[in-house]
Protein backbone atom coordinates (compact mmCIF):
# COMPACT_ATOMS: atom_id res chain seq x y z
CA MET A 1 16.63 -2.56 11.79
CA SER A 2 13.21 -3.27 10.29
CA SER A 3 12.98 -6.65 8.57
CA ASP A 4 11.57 -5.06 5.41
CA LEU A 5 14.75 -3.01 4.86
CA LEU A 6 17.83 -4.18 2.96
CA ALA A 7 21.38 -2.93 3.43
CA PHE A 8 24.30 -3.11 1.00
CA HIS A 9 27.91 -2.03 1.19
CA VAL A 10 28.82 -1.06 -2.37
CA ARG A 11 32.20 -0.44 -4.03
CA ILE A 12 32.09 1.56 -7.26
CA THR A 13 35.18 1.66 -9.48
CA GLY A 14 36.17 3.49 -12.65
CA LYS A 15 36.34 7.24 -13.14
CA VAL A 16 34.28 8.05 -10.05
CA GLN A 17 36.36 10.64 -8.18
CA GLY A 18 36.62 14.29 -9.17
CA VAL A 19 33.34 14.14 -11.12
CA GLY A 20 30.77 14.85 -8.39
CA TYR A 21 29.91 11.20 -7.83
CA ARG A 22 29.33 11.55 -4.07
CA VAL A 23 26.99 14.55 -4.40
CA TRP A 24 25.16 12.81 -7.25
CA SER A 25 24.83 9.65 -5.10
CA ARG A 26 23.42 11.64 -2.18
CA ASP A 27 20.86 13.27 -4.48
CA GLN A 28 19.84 9.93 -6.02
CA ALA A 29 19.54 8.36 -2.56
CA ALA A 30 17.30 11.23 -1.43
CA GLN A 31 15.04 10.71 -4.45
CA LEU A 32 14.72 7.02 -3.56
CA GLY A 33 14.27 7.54 0.19
CA LEU A 34 17.48 5.70 1.10
CA THR A 35 19.68 6.23 4.14
CA GLY A 36 23.39 5.52 4.51
CA TRP A 37 26.60 7.19 3.37
CA VAL A 38 29.02 7.59 0.47
CA ARG A 39 32.76 8.32 0.53
CA ASN A 40 35.89 8.44 -1.63
CA GLU A 41 38.50 5.76 -1.01
CA SER A 42 42.27 6.17 -1.28
CA ASP A 43 42.43 3.66 -4.17
CA GLY A 44 40.27 5.92 -6.39
CA SER A 45 37.03 4.02 -5.83
CA VAL A 46 33.86 5.18 -4.08
CA SER A 47 32.23 3.21 -1.26
CA ALA A 48 28.65 3.49 -0.12
CA LEU A 49 26.24 2.02 2.38
CA ILE A 50 22.65 2.07 1.15
CA VAL A 51 19.68 1.11 3.31
CA GLY A 52 16.07 1.00 2.18
CA THR A 53 13.30 -1.10 0.72
CA SER A 54 14.04 -3.81 -1.81
CA LYS A 55 12.70 -1.65 -4.63
CA SER A 56 14.71 1.45 -3.69
CA THR A 57 17.99 -0.35 -2.99
CA LEU A 58 17.81 -2.27 -6.27
CA ALA A 59 17.03 0.96 -8.12
CA MET A 60 20.07 2.64 -6.54
CA LEU A 61 22.31 -0.28 -7.48
CA GLU A 62 21.23 0.26 -11.10
CA ARG A 63 21.70 4.03 -10.87
CA PHE A 64 25.25 3.62 -9.55
CA TRP A 65 26.15 2.37 -13.05
CA ASP A 66 24.93 5.65 -14.61
CA GLY A 67 26.74 8.11 -12.36
CA PRO A 68 26.94 11.84 -13.03
CA THR A 69 28.14 13.43 -16.26
CA GLY A 70 31.88 12.89 -16.57
CA SER A 71 31.97 9.61 -14.69
CA ASN A 72 32.77 6.26 -16.28
CA VAL A 73 31.81 3.37 -14.01
CA SER A 74 33.64 0.10 -14.63
CA ALA A 75 32.20 -1.95 -11.74
CA VAL A 76 29.52 -1.84 -9.06
CA ASP A 77 30.15 -4.48 -6.39
CA PRO A 78 27.31 -4.77 -3.84
CA GLN A 79 27.62 -6.91 -0.71
CA ALA A 80 24.50 -7.49 1.37
CA THR A 81 25.15 -6.63 5.00
CA ALA A 82 23.31 -6.91 8.30
CA LEU A 83 22.85 -3.82 10.46
CA ASP A 84 21.56 -3.49 14.00
CA ARG A 85 20.15 -0.05 13.23
CA ALA A 86 19.54 1.81 9.99
CA PRO A 87 21.16 5.26 9.60
CA ASP A 88 18.81 8.23 9.96
CA HIS A 89 20.01 10.09 6.84
CA PHE A 90 22.17 9.71 3.74
CA VAL A 91 25.41 11.65 4.11
CA ILE A 92 28.72 12.25 2.36
CA THR A 93 31.60 11.17 4.60
CA ARG A 94 35.36 11.50 4.28
């Protein structure tokens, strides 16, 4: 992975399932030029991997707090992570 890219695993909690949070996240990531994935977790949270420049990843971490209409985010917990290779796209996974 290029040294100028950052990667974060992120856990988002609150009212984040059943409100279009994954689709919204994919759209926001596309606007920011990020790659990675987003998925629902069995505990009601949403997890994501975001990979991009410092500016774009930090912007996405801020946007996660906003969420789509109908969401109510109570926490955004990012953990920096090391990757051997950045994903090619940003996708919704199950």
